[in-house]
Protein backbone atom coordinates (compact mmCIF):
# COMPACT_ATOMS: atom_id res chain seq x y z
CA MET A 1 -9.14 14.56 -54.80
CA THR A 2 -11.96 12.72 -53.64
CA PHE A 3 -11.56 8.64 -54.77
CA ASN A 4 -15.01 7.73 -55.80
CA LEU A 5 -15.62 4.04 -54.81
CA PHE A 6 -18.14 3.50 -57.19
CA ALA A 7 -16.83 4.92 -60.55
CA ALA A 8 -16.84 1.78 -62.08
CA GLU A 9 -20.72 1.03 -61.45
CA GLU A 10 -21.45 4.36 -62.53
CA GLN A 11 -19.68 3.71 -65.96
CA ALA A 12 -21.40 0.44 -66.23
CA ILE A 13 -24.57 1.79 -65.67
CA GLU A 14 -24.25 4.71 -68.16
CA GLN A 15 -23.40 1.95 -70.73
CA ALA A 16 -26.35 -0.24 -69.53
CA ARG A 17 -28.38 3.42 -70.30
CA LEU A 18 -26.94 3.53 -73.72
CA LEU A 19 -27.38 0.01 -74.61
CA GLY A 20 -30.88 -0.21 -73.93
CA GLU A 21 -31.48 2.84 -76.33
CA ARG A 22 -30.00 0.81 -78.83
CA LEU A 23 -31.30 -2.43 -77.95
CA GLY A 24 -35.10 -0.53 -77.88
CA ALA A 25 -34.56 0.46 -81.42
CA ALA A 26 -33.63 -3.03 -82.51
CA ALA A 27 -35.47 -5.50 -80.19
CA PRO A 28 -38.61 -3.60 -78.42
CA GLU A 29 -39.56 -7.25 -76.85
CA LEU A 30 -36.37 -7.03 -74.94
CA ARG A 31 -36.49 -3.87 -73.75
CA ALA A 32 -38.44 -4.25 -70.47
CA ASP A 33 -36.74 -6.74 -69.51
CA PHE A 34 -33.23 -5.17 -69.53
CA GLU A 35 -34.54 -1.91 -68.20
CA ALA A 36 -35.40 -4.05 -64.96
CA LEU A 37 -32.04 -6.08 -64.61
CA VAL A 38 -30.48 -2.32 -64.97
CA GLU A 39 -32.89 -0.95 -62.39
CA ALA A 40 -31.83 -3.83 -59.90
CA PHE A 41 -28.10 -3.10 -60.65
CA GLN A 42 -28.96 0.47 -59.83
CA ARG A 43 -30.80 -0.77 -56.59
CA SER A 44 -27.62 -2.47 -55.58
CA THR A 45 -25.65 0.32 -56.13
CA ARG A 46 -27.84 2.47 -54.05
CA GLU A 47 -27.71 0.05 -51.44
CA GLN A 48 -23.96 -0.29 -51.71
CA ARG A 49 -23.60 3.46 -51.26
CA ARG A 50 -26.02 3.19 -48.29
CA LEU A 51 -23.98 0.58 -46.30
CA VAL A 52 -20.84 2.39 -47.13
CA ARG A 53 -22.26 5.68 -45.51
CA VAL A 54 -23.21 3.45 -42.93
CA SER A 55 -19.98 1.96 -42.79
CA ASP A 56 -18.19 4.94 -42.77
CA ARG A 57 -20.56 6.59 -39.80
CA LEU A 58 -19.71 3.30 -37.39
CA GLN A 59 -16.13 3.69 -38.23
CA ALA A 60 -16.36 7.43 -37.03
CA GLN A 61 -18.27 6.07 -33.63
CA LEU A 62 -15.46 3.26 -33.41
CA GLY A 63 -13.02 5.98 -33.19
CA SER A 64 -14.61 7.56 -30.88
CA ALA A 65 -15.28 5.14 -28.46
CA ASN A 66 -11.55 3.81 -28.67
CA GLN A 67 -10.29 7.36 -27.97
CA GLU A 68 -13.11 7.24 -24.86
CA LEU A 69 -11.21 3.99 -23.99
CA GLU A 70 -8.00 4.77 -24.21
CA ARG A 71 -8.83 8.06 -22.06
CA ARG A 72 -10.45 5.93 -19.96
CA ARG A 73 -7.70 3.50 -19.36
CA GLN A 74 -4.80 6.09 -18.73
CA GLU A 75 -7.63 7.49 -16.18
CA ALA A 76 -7.70 3.97 -14.71
CA GLU A 77 -3.93 3.44 -14.39
CA THR A 78 -3.31 7.19 -13.13
CA ALA A 79 -6.02 6.41 -9.98
CA LEU A 80 -4.19 2.77 -9.38
CA SER A 81 -1.22 4.02 -9.12
CA ASP A 82 -2.67 6.73 -6.86
CA LEU A 83 -3.96 3.90 -4.92
CA ARG A 84 -0.90 1.64 -4.85
CA GLU A 85 1.43 4.99 -3.57
CA ALA A 86 -1.85 5.81 -0.64
CA GLN A 87 -1.38 2.12 0.02
CA GLU A 88 2.50 2.23 0.68
CA ALA A 89 2.08 5.53 2.51
CA MET A 90 -0.59 4.01 4.99
CA VAL A 91 1.60 0.92 5.29
CA ARG A 92 4.61 2.89 5.97
CA ALA A 93 2.32 5.09 8.51
CA GLU A 94 1.44 1.65 9.98
CA LYS A 95 5.14 0.58 10.37
CA LEU A 96 6.24 3.83 12.02
CA ALA A 97 2.93 3.77 14.34
CA SER A 98 4.19 0.36 15.12
CA LEU A 99 8.13 1.75 15.78
CA GLY A 100 6.44 4.43 17.68
CA ALA A 101 4.59 2.16 20.08
CA LEU A 102 8.02 0.40 20.38
CA VAL A 103 9.44 3.81 21.79
CA ALA A 104 6.42 4.26 24.22
CA GLY A 105 6.66 0.59 25.56
CA VAL A 106 10.58 0.79 26.22
CA ALA A 107 10.00 3.63 27.60
CA HIS A 108 7.66 2.59 30.26
CA GLU A 109 9.70 0.05 30.56
CA ILE A 110 12.69 2.05 31.09
CA ASN A 111 11.25 4.21 33.56
CA THR A 112 10.83 1.46 36.51
CA PRO A 113 14.80 1.09 36.83
CA VAL A 114 15.47 4.72 36.34
CA GLY A 115 13.47 5.53 39.08
CA ILE A 116 14.71 3.17 41.62
CA ALA A 117 18.37 4.31 40.85
CA VAL A 118 17.27 7.86 41.25
CA SER A 119 15.71 6.96 44.39
CA CYS A 120 18.54 5.18 45.79
CA ALA A 121 21.18 7.53 44.24
CA SER A 122 19.33 10.45 46.48
CA HIS A 123 19.11 8.08 49.46
CA LEU A 124 22.46 7.60 49.23
CA SER A 125 23.32 11.57 48.60
CA ASP A 126 21.56 11.99 52.01
CA ALA A 127 23.23 9.35 53.94
CA THR A 128 26.48 10.64 52.82
CA ALA A 129 25.72 14.36 53.24
CA ARG A 130 24.76 13.15 57.34
CA LEU A 131 27.62 11.20 57.60
CA ARG A 132 29.92 14.58 56.38
CA GLY A 133 28.20 16.47 58.73
CA ARG A 134 28.55 14.29 61.79
CA ALA A 135 32.56 13.69 60.44
CA GLN A 136 32.99 17.64 60.31
CA SER A 137 31.29 18.06 63.72
CA GLY A 138 33.33 15.42 65.46
CA GLU A 139 30.44 13.42 66.43
CA LEU A 140 30.91 10.67 63.80
CA SER A 141 30.99 7.26 65.70
CA LYS A 142 32.08 3.74 64.55
CA ALA A 143 28.50 2.64 64.71
CA ASP A 144 27.37 5.62 62.17
CA PHE A 145 30.24 4.55 60.09
CA THR A 146 29.27 0.84 60.03
CA ARG A 147 25.83 2.04 59.38
CA TYR A 148 26.72 4.28 56.18
CA VAL A 149 29.06 1.47 54.92
CA ALA A 150 25.81 -0.78 54.64
CA THR A 151 23.48 1.48 53.50
CA ALA A 152 26.21 2.43 51.09
CA THR A 153 26.58 -1.27 49.93
CA ASP A 154 22.86 -1.89 49.49
CA THR A 155 21.86 1.26 47.63
CA THR A 156 25.42 1.07 45.22
CA ALA A 157 23.82 -2.66 44.84
CA LEU A 158 20.50 -1.52 43.76
CA ILE A 159 21.29 1.19 41.81
CA LEU A 160 24.09 -1.02 39.83
CA THR A 161 21.52 -3.52 39.52
CA ASN A 162 19.08 -1.18 38.06
CA CYS A 163 20.93 0.70 35.34
CA GLU A 164 22.23 -2.43 34.11
CA ARG A 165 18.46 -3.58 33.60
CA ALA A 166 17.97 -0.29 31.99
CA ALA A 167 21.18 -0.60 29.73
CA LYS A 168 20.09 -3.79 28.74
CA LEU A 169 16.74 -2.31 27.68
CA ILE A 170 18.07 0.44 25.97
CA ALA A 171 20.28 -2.41 23.92
CA SER A 172 17.44 -4.30 23.23
CA PHE A 173 15.38 -1.46 21.77
CA LYS A 174 18.37 0.10 19.89
CA GLN A 175 18.81 -3.00 18.17
CA VAL A 176 15.14 -3.83 17.69
CA ALA A 177 14.29 -0.18 16.42
CA VAL A 178 17.60 -0.56 13.69
CA ASP A 179 16.22 -3.38 12.70
CA ARG A 180 12.84 -1.86 11.67
CA ALA A 181 13.99 1.26 10.19
CA SER A 182 17.01 -0.39 7.96
CA ALA A 183 15.34 -3.68 7.21
CA GLU A 184 19.23 -5.05 7.31
CA ARG A 185 19.90 -8.48 7.16
CA ARG A 186 21.86 -10.07 9.91
CA VAL A 187 22.39 -13.49 11.77
CA VAL A 188 20.36 -13.52 15.11
CA HIS A 189 19.77 -15.73 17.76
CA LEU A 190 16.27 -16.14 17.53
CA ASN A 191 14.87 -17.21 21.21
CA ARG A 192 16.76 -14.05 22.34
CA TYR A 193 15.48 -11.68 20.06
CA ILE A 194 11.96 -13.01 20.40
CA GLN A 195 12.37 -12.12 24.21
CA GLU A 196 13.97 -8.81 23.18
CA THR A 197 11.05 -7.54 20.77
CA LEU A 198 8.34 -8.79 23.30
CA VAL A 199 10.19 -6.03 25.76
CA SER A 200 8.11 -3.08 24.22
CA LEU A 201 4.72 -5.24 24.32
CA GLU A 202 5.07 -6.00 28.30
CA PRO A 203 2.76 -2.78 28.96
CA LYS A 204 0.05 -3.44 26.61
CA LEU A 205 -0.19 -7.17 27.83
CA ARG A 206 -0.28 -6.03 31.63
CA GLN A 207 -2.50 -3.62 30.61
CA GLY A 208 -4.82 -6.24 29.38
CA LYS A 209 -3.93 -8.96 32.10
CA HIS A 210 -2.86 -10.72 29.23
CA THR A 211 0.19 -13.37 29.51
CA ILE A 212 2.30 -14.82 26.93
CA ALA A 213 4.64 -17.98 26.78
CA VAL A 214 7.38 -18.32 24.34
CA SER A 215 9.20 -21.66 23.59
CA CYS A 216 12.03 -21.70 21.13
CA PRO A 217 15.40 -23.58 20.94
CA ASP A 218 18.44 -21.65 22.84
CA GLY A 219 20.86 -22.65 19.83
CA LEU A 220 18.81 -21.89 17.06
CA VAL A 221 20.54 -19.26 14.80
CA VAL A 222 18.95 -17.74 11.95
CA ASP A 223 20.33 -15.44 9.19
CA THR A 224 17.44 -13.36 7.90
CA TYR A 225 15.66 -9.89 8.44
CA PRO A 226 15.08 -9.49 11.94
CA GLY A 227 13.00 -6.28 11.27
CA ALA A 228 10.42 -7.94 9.50
CA LEU A 229 10.67 -10.66 12.35
CA SER A 230 9.77 -8.21 14.72
CA GLN A 231 7.32 -6.29 12.91
CA ILE A 232 5.07 -10.04 12.15
CA LEU A 233 5.32 -10.82 15.85
CA THR A 234 4.54 -7.12 17.15
CA ASN A 235 1.53 -7.21 14.85
CA PHE A 236 0.53 -10.75 16.11
CA VAL A 237 0.34 -9.95 19.56
CA MET A 238 -1.50 -6.21 19.00
CA ASN A 239 -3.98 -8.48 16.75
CA SER A 240 -4.77 -10.19 19.53
CA VAL A 241 -5.21 -7.40 21.98
CA THR A 242 -7.00 -5.58 19.44
CA HIS A 243 -9.31 -8.32 18.06
CA ALA A 244 -9.17 -11.55 20.20
CA PHE A 245 -10.22 -10.56 23.50
CA VAL A 246 -13.24 -7.97 23.38
CA ASP A 247 -16.68 -9.18 23.68
CA ALA A 248 -19.60 -8.18 21.10
CA GLN A 249 -20.02 -5.20 21.66
CA GLY A 250 -16.08 -4.14 21.58
CA ALA A 251 -15.17 -4.10 25.48
CA ASP A 252 -12.29 -5.59 26.43
CA GLY A 253 -12.78 -8.92 28.48
CA GLN A 254 -10.81 -11.13 30.43
CA GLY A 255 -6.88 -11.43 30.08
CA GLY A 256 -5.83 -13.89 27.78
CA ALA A 257 -3.05 -16.45 27.00
CA LEU A 258 -0.67 -15.84 24.27
CA SER A 259 2.10 -18.24 23.10
CA ILE A 260 4.96 -18.10 20.61
CA ALA A 261 6.53 -21.83 19.68
CA VAL A 262 9.70 -22.02 17.42
CA ASP A 263 10.76 -25.36 16.24
CA GLU A 264 12.83 -27.09 13.30
CA PRO A 265 10.32 -29.04 11.37
CA GLU A 266 13.24 -29.94 8.80
CA PRO A 267 16.62 -28.93 8.24
CA GLY A 268 17.19 -25.46 7.02
CA THR A 269 13.66 -24.47 7.70
CA VAL A 270 12.32 -22.62 11.20
CA ARG A 271 8.68 -22.84 11.86
CA LEU A 272 7.18 -20.21 14.35
CA VAL A 273 3.49 -20.83 15.57
CA TYR A 274 1.36 -18.02 17.31
CA THR A 275 -1.62 -18.59 19.18
CA ASP A 276 -4.09 -16.68 21.29
CA ASP A 277 -7.08 -18.33 23.16
CA GLY A 278 -9.49 -15.33 22.10
CA ARG A 279 -12.93 -15.63 20.52
CA GLY A 280 -11.42 -16.84 17.41
CA ILE A 281 -12.21 -15.60 13.86
CA PRO A 282 -15.83 -16.15 11.94
CA PRO A 283 -15.50 -18.18 9.02
CA ASP A 284 -16.28 -15.52 6.52
CA HIS A 285 -13.88 -13.57 7.49
CA LEU A 286 -11.33 -15.93 7.17
CA PRO A 287 -10.63 -15.67 3.47
CA ARG A 288 -9.97 -12.01 3.80
CA ILE A 289 -8.07 -11.78 6.86
CA PHE A 290 -4.71 -10.80 4.61
CA ASP A 291 -6.36 -8.35 2.80
CA PRO A 292 -5.79 -4.69 2.77
CA PHE A 293 -7.89 -2.70 5.06
CA PHE A 294 -10.18 -5.19 5.91
CA THR A 295 -10.76 -4.57 9.83
CA THR A 296 -13.82 -5.23 11.89
CA ARG A 297 -12.94 -2.42 14.34
CA ARG A 298 -12.46 0.47 12.09
CA GLY A 299 -12.35 3.66 14.19
CA GLU A 300 -11.77 1.42 17.31
CA GLY A 301 -8.01 0.93 16.85
CA GLY A 302 -7.86 -1.50 14.12
CA SER A 303 -6.60 -0.02 10.56
CA GLY A 304 -7.04 -3.51 8.71
CA LEU A 305 -3.40 -2.96 7.51
CA GLY A 306 -1.80 -5.22 10.65
CA LEU A 307 -1.90 -8.64 9.22
CA HIS A 308 -1.64 -7.28 5.62
CA ILE A 309 1.58 -6.23 6.41
CA VAL A 310 2.36 -9.41 8.34
CA HIS A 311 1.62 -10.93 4.98
CA ASN A 312 3.71 -9.02 3.20
CA LEU A 313 6.69 -9.45 5.11
CA ALA A 314 5.89 -13.03 5.25
CA VAL A 315 6.35 -13.71 1.95
CA GLY A 316 8.38 -10.79 0.90
CA ALA A 317 11.03 -10.16 2.98
CA LEU A 318 11.05 -13.81 4.66
CA LYS A 319 10.53 -15.58 1.72
CA GLY A 320 8.34 -17.93 3.59
CA THR A 321 4.51 -18.52 4.19
CA ILE A 322 2.18 -18.06 6.35
CA SER A 323 -1.40 -19.51 7.24
CA VAL A 324 -4.34 -18.86 9.71
CA ASP A 325 -6.54 -21.17 11.50
CA SER A 326 -9.54 -20.09 13.59
CA ALA A 327 -12.84 -20.85 14.84
CA PRO A 328 -15.25 -18.75 16.67
CA GLY A 329 -14.51 -19.51 20.31
CA GLN A 330 -11.61 -21.55 19.80
CA GLY A 331 -8.70 -19.03 19.60
CA THR A 332 -6.50 -18.08 16.52
CA ARG A 333 -3.51 -19.80 15.30
CA PHE A 334 -0.77 -18.54 13.02
CA VAL A 335 1.95 -20.64 11.44
CA LEU A 336 4.55 -18.74 9.89
CA THR A 337 7.33 -20.92 7.89
CA PHE A 338 10.62 -19.13 6.34
CA PRO A 339 13.87 -20.48 5.89
CA LYS A 340 16.98 -20.55 8.08
CA ASP A 341 19.50 -18.53 5.79
CA THR A 342 16.86 -16.29 3.69
CA PRO A 343 17.62 -16.62 -0.12
CA PRO A 344 18.56 -13.33 -1.87
CA ASP A 345 15.94 -11.69 -3.92
CA ASP A 346 17.67 -12.72 -7.61
CA ALA A 347 17.66 -16.55 -6.16
CA SER A 348 13.93 -16.60 -5.26
CA ALA A 349 12.66 -15.12 -8.41
């Protein structure tokens, strides 16, 4: 059943027509004016009908537009969700790549003491075989035995020293690697942990002829997420190696000086200042330095995620703040401030 919006108007027009017929018989002089009034009412009704049709058409177009808008909104939300997942996957890949670099660096460092220990053990084995041969032939003299004892003393000392060094490197690597992978909170001696983290970076620093100085109070202990701190320090150093000491054409330049200075500006707060004396950051790049995927060396060793990860870890895991200060030709300075005792997530909300 269709509802007629203009039933009352149509009924009024019909009554007016009948009234006009009776009025024409009684008073012919009023008929023309009355018919003009009825015609005006009919025109008004026709215009209202037209407006209703236009309104219906606009309502239909608006409904279609709303449906299209909803479809586009859902597509945008899906695309945003996919983008976030892709970004998270790339961040995870960047962290794994950093962990891979850590493994390669520590393996390179371990190679030297292990190689020395193997060489010493081989030398000691040869000396022992010679001694055994002379003893079996009855030609062993006191001088031979004295020389062997001296050789054994020196080589065993070298073996022990280098094995201890390798063991320390492995222990440092194990702890840093576990911290990176597990993101667990624990208490650490900050100065010692910084040194352990830098072990994996020494091959890169030596390759580029860079030096790094660390100034941190020996007794400074923090209860935080050391894996986040290790990742931040690694990304700081790699950012300098990748960007700070290259010329305008992207070629590696001279070695640079890096530094890490830690203090307590106030009780319960740690401030870590990382600096390099590289070529600095252009002013128009500074506002975007922590943006994801922003890099000036894409395809040449820069992913654009290093400092983005640093910012997320500083603000998220460490519950701190981070800032950057730089100018062309004057190096770069990052200031990381975080609590000694990291508050739990619910307390920081």
